[in-house]
Amino acid sequence: MTTTILSLIIFFFILLVIYLYFRHRARSQALEQMYGHVPSHVELYFKEYFDEMVENWDLVDKEKANSWSNKMENRLNEVSKQITSIKKRKKNIDGKLDDVEGRIAKIENSWRKEAR
């Protein structure tokens, strides 16, 4: 009786091994057909969850980073041009203020002379 139970256990074990072998083989063939090679577990994990990782971890892909960088560069160039323009206007205004201060100084000097 124990030999029949033991032989049944061995038989089911052999069937399980055969089933697992064919299952693994079929999976490998399907992956090779899909990707052109049998990818590693890590490759499969990233292929499945990469979009979620980017979204959950607030990551940015190269294309978006380049786009943002280009927009930022254009904006900085525009701001630089505005700063240059503002500096020129400031110089012009400073010159006019110097003229006004000079006139005020002349008027004050003439009032002092008249007051004496």
C-alpha atoms as a PDB file:
ATOM      1  CA  MET A   1       0.000   0.000   0.000  1.00  0.00           C
ATOM      2  CA  THR A   2       2.748   2.429   0.820  1.00  0.00           C
ATOM      3  CA  THR A   3       4.451   1.648  -2.453  1.00  0.00           C
ATOM      4  CA  THR A   4       1.313   2.586  -4.397  1.00  0.00           C
ATOM      5  CA  ILE A   5       1.007   5.859  -2.491  1.00  0.00           C
ATOM      6  CA  LEU A   6       4.680   6.544  -3.028  1.00  0.00           C
ATOM      7  CA  SER A   7       4.413   5.712  -6.728  1.00  0.00           C
ATOM      8  CA  LEU A   8       1.338   7.999  -7.033  1.00  0.00           C
ATOM      9  CA  ILE A   9       3.249  10.844  -5.367  1.00  0.00           C
ATOM     10  CA  ILE A  10       6.201  10.310  -7.695  1.00  0.00           C
ATOM     11  CA  PHE A  11       3.836  10.147 -10.690  1.00  0.00           C
ATOM     12  CA  PHE A  12       2.136  13.474  -9.719  1.00  0.00           C
ATOM     13  CA  PHE A  13       5.529  15.024  -9.069  1.00  0.00           C
ATOM     14  CA  ILE A  14       6.720  14.007 -12.541  1.00  0.00           C
ATOM     15  CA  LEU A  15       3.488  15.383 -14.068  1.00  0.00           C
ATOM     16  CA  LEU A  16       4.011  18.659 -12.183  1.00  0.00           C
ATOM     17  CA  VAL A  17       7.596  18.945 -13.419  1.00  0.00           C
ATOM     18  CA  ILE A  18       6.487  18.265 -17.010  1.00  0.00           C
ATOM     19  CA  TYR A  19       3.669  20.811 -16.713  1.00  0.00           C
ATOM     20  CA  LEU A  20       6.028  23.467 -15.305  1.00  0.00           C
ATOM     21  CA  TYR A  21       8.584  22.757 -18.033  1.00  0.00           C
ATOM     22  CA  PHE A  22       6.055  23.194 -20.847  1.00  0.00           C
ATOM     23  CA  ARG A  23       4.564  26.243 -19.191  1.00  0.00           C
ATOM     24  CA  HIS A  24       8.003  27.848 -18.914  1.00  0.00           C
ATOM     25  CA  ARG A  25       8.810  26.925 -22.511  1.00  0.00           C
ATOM     26  CA  ALA A  26       5.527  28.350 -23.821  1.00  0.00           C
ATOM     27  CA  ARG A  27       6.059  31.573 -21.830  1.00  0.00           C
ATOM     28  CA  SER A  28       9.619  31.937 -23.140  1.00  0.00           C
ATOM     29  CA  GLN A  29       8.434  31.418 -26.718  1.00  0.00           C
ATOM     30  CA  ALA A  30       5.650  33.987 -26.312  1.00  0.00           C
ATOM     31  CA  LEU A  31       8.069  36.542 -24.850  1.00  0.00           C
ATOM     32  CA  GLU A  32      10.588  35.920 -27.612  1.00  0.00           C
ATOM     33  CA  GLN A  33       7.874  36.358 -30.206  1.00  0.00           C
ATOM     34  CA  MET A  34       6.700  39.583 -28.548  1.00  0.00           C
ATOM     35  CA  TYR A  35      10.081  41.240 -27.830  1.00  0.00           C
ATOM     36  CA  GLY A  36      12.483  39.447 -30.166  1.00  0.00           C
ATOM     37  CA  HIS A  37      14.354  38.005 -27.171  1.00  0.00           C
ATOM     38  CA  VAL A  38      13.489  36.640 -23.760  1.00  0.00           C
ATOM     39  CA  PRO A  39      13.616  39.709 -21.509  1.00  0.00           C
ATOM     40  CA  SER A  40      14.735  39.497 -17.911  1.00  0.00           C
ATOM     41  CA  HIS A  41      12.334  39.871 -15.023  1.00  0.00           C
ATOM     42  CA  VAL A  42      13.571  43.436 -14.446  1.00  0.00           C
ATOM     43  CA  GLU A  43      12.943  44.397 -18.087  1.00  0.00           C
ATOM     44  CA  LEU A  44       9.411  43.022 -17.897  1.00  0.00           C
ATOM     45  CA  TYR A  45       8.768  44.860 -14.621  1.00  0.00           C
ATOM     46  CA  PHE A  46       9.858  48.198 -16.075  1.00  0.00           C
ATOM     47  CA  LYS A  47       7.921  47.642 -19.306  1.00  0.00           C
ATOM     48  CA  GLU A  48       4.766  47.045 -17.289  1.00  0.00           C
ATOM     49  CA  TYR A  49       5.122  49.664 -14.556  1.00  0.00           C
ATOM     50  CA  PHE A  50       7.307  52.396 -16.091  1.00  0.00           C
ATOM     51  CA  ASP A  51       4.427  54.786 -16.880  1.00  0.00           C
ATOM     52  CA  GLU A  52       3.056  54.445 -13.353  1.00  0.00           C
ATOM     53  CA  MET A  53       6.515  55.014 -11.857  1.00  0.00           C
ATOM     54  CA  VAL A  54       6.961  58.194 -13.895  1.00  0.00           C
ATOM     55  CA  GLU A  55       3.542  59.458 -12.837  1.00  0.00           C
ATOM     56  CA  ASN A  56       3.768  58.489  -9.150  1.00  0.00           C
ATOM     57  CA  TRP A  57       7.329  59.690  -8.632  1.00  0.00           C
ATOM     58  CA  ASP A  58       6.811  62.922 -10.632  1.00  0.00           C
ATOM     59  CA  LEU A  59       9.519  61.924 -13.081  1.00  0.00           C
ATOM     60  CA  VAL A  60       9.829  63.498 -16.501  1.00  0.00           C
ATOM     61  CA  ASP A  61      10.874  61.772 -19.673  1.00  0.00           C
ATOM     62  CA  LYS A  62      13.655  63.136 -21.907  1.00  0.00           C
ATOM     63  CA  GLU A  63      11.296  64.656 -24.443  1.00  0.00           C
ATOM     64  CA  LYS A  64       9.401  66.688 -21.849  1.00  0.00           C
ATOM     65  CA  ALA A  65      12.634  67.726 -20.129  1.00  0.00           C
ATOM     66  CA  ASN A  66      14.106  68.934 -23.432  1.00  0.00           C
ATOM     67  CA  SER A  67      10.905  70.772 -24.282  1.00  0.00           C
ATOM     68  CA  TRP A  68      10.855  72.463 -20.864  1.00  0.00           C
ATOM     69  CA  SER A  69      14.549  73.333 -21.185  1.00  0.00           C
ATOM     70  CA  ASN A  70      14.047  74.904 -24.617  1.00  0.00           C
ATOM     71  CA  LYS A  71      11.056  76.918 -23.426  1.00  0.00           C
ATOM     72  CA  MET A  72      13.012  78.079 -20.380  1.00  0.00           C
ATOM     73  CA  GLU A  73      15.987  79.051 -22.545  1.00  0.00           C
ATOM     74  CA  ASN A  74      13.739  81.080 -24.854  1.00  0.00           C
ATOM     75  CA  ARG A  75      12.144  82.775 -21.866  1.00  0.00           C
ATOM     76  CA  LEU A  76      15.536  83.602 -20.332  1.00  0.00           C
ATOM     77  CA  ASN A  77      16.706  85.059 -23.640  1.00  0.00           C
ATOM     78  CA  GLU A  78      13.592  87.239 -23.772  1.00  0.00           C
ATOM     79  CA  VAL A  79      14.108  88.384 -20.174  1.00  0.00           C
ATOM     80  CA  SER A  80      17.763  89.177 -20.953  1.00  0.00           C
ATOM     81  CA  LYS A  81      16.659  91.364 -23.868  1.00  0.00           C
ATOM     82  CA  GLN A  82      14.164  93.141 -21.606  1.00  0.00           C
ATOM     83  CA  ILE A  83      16.847  93.706 -18.961  1.00  0.00           C
ATOM     84  CA  THR A  84      19.167  95.207 -21.576  1.00  0.00           C
ATOM     85  CA  SER A  85      16.383  97.504 -22.762  1.00  0.00           C
ATOM     86  CA  ILE A  86      15.573  98.537 -19.197  1.00  0.00           C
ATOM     87  CA  LYS A  87      19.248  99.288 -18.501  1.00  0.00           C
ATOM     88  CA  LYS A  88      19.359 101.575 -21.574  1.00  0.00           C
ATOM     89  CA  ARG A  89      16.206 103.392 -20.448  1.00  0.00           C
ATOM     90  CA  LYS A  90      17.637 103.709 -16.919  1.00  0.00           C
ATOM     91  CA  LYS A  91      20.789 105.288 -18.344  1.00  0.00           C
ATOM     92  CA  ASN A  92      18.673 107.722 -20.353  1.00  0.00           C
ATOM     93  CA  ILE A  93      16.547 108.582 -17.301  1.00  0.00           C
ATOM     94  CA  ASP A  94      19.658 108.992 -15.139  1.00  0.00           C
ATOM     95  CA  GLY A  95      21.063 111.443 -17.683  1.00  0.00           C
ATOM     96  CA  LYS A  96      17.820 113.452 -17.658  1.00  0.00           C
ATOM     97  CA  LEU A  97      17.767 113.441 -13.843  1.00  0.00           C
ATOM     98  CA  ASP A  98      21.350 114.732 -13.804  1.00  0.00           C
ATOM     99  CA  ASP A  99      20.255 117.590 -16.098  1.00  0.00           C
ATOM    100  CA  VAL A 100      17.290 118.378 -13.832  1.00  0.00           C
ATOM    101  CA  GLU A 101      19.533 118.309 -10.736  1.00  0.00           C
ATOM    102  CA  GLY A 102      21.970 120.636 -12.490  1.00  0.00           C
ATOM    103  CA  ARG A 103      19.148 123.074 -13.317  1.00  0.00           C
ATOM    104  CA  ILE A 104      17.863 122.897  -9.729  1.00  0.00           C
ATOM    105  CA  ALA A 105      21.380 123.619  -8.455  1.00  0.00           C
ATOM    106  CA  LYS A 106      21.601 126.665 -10.794  1.00  0.00           C
ATOM    107  CA  ILE A 107      18.217 127.947  -9.591  1.00  0.00           C
ATOM    108  CA  GLU A 108      19.246 127.464  -5.944  1.00  0.00           C
ATOM    109  CA  ASN A 109      22.531 129.312  -6.578  1.00  0.00           C
ATOM    110  CA  SER A 110      20.706 132.192  -8.265  1.00  0.00           C
ATOM    111  CA  TRP A 111      18.246 132.434  -5.315  1.00  0.00           C
ATOM    112  CA  ARG A 112      21.140 132.507  -2.864  1.00  0.00           C
ATOM    113  CA  LYS A 113      22.805 135.283  -4.835  1.00  0.00           C
ATOM    114  CA  GLU A 114      19.552 137.259  -4.898  1.00  0.00           C
ATOM    115  CA  ALA A 115      19.017 136.666  -1.178  1.00  0.00           C
ATOM    116  CA  ARG A 116      22.394 138.251  -0.307  1.00  0.00           C
END
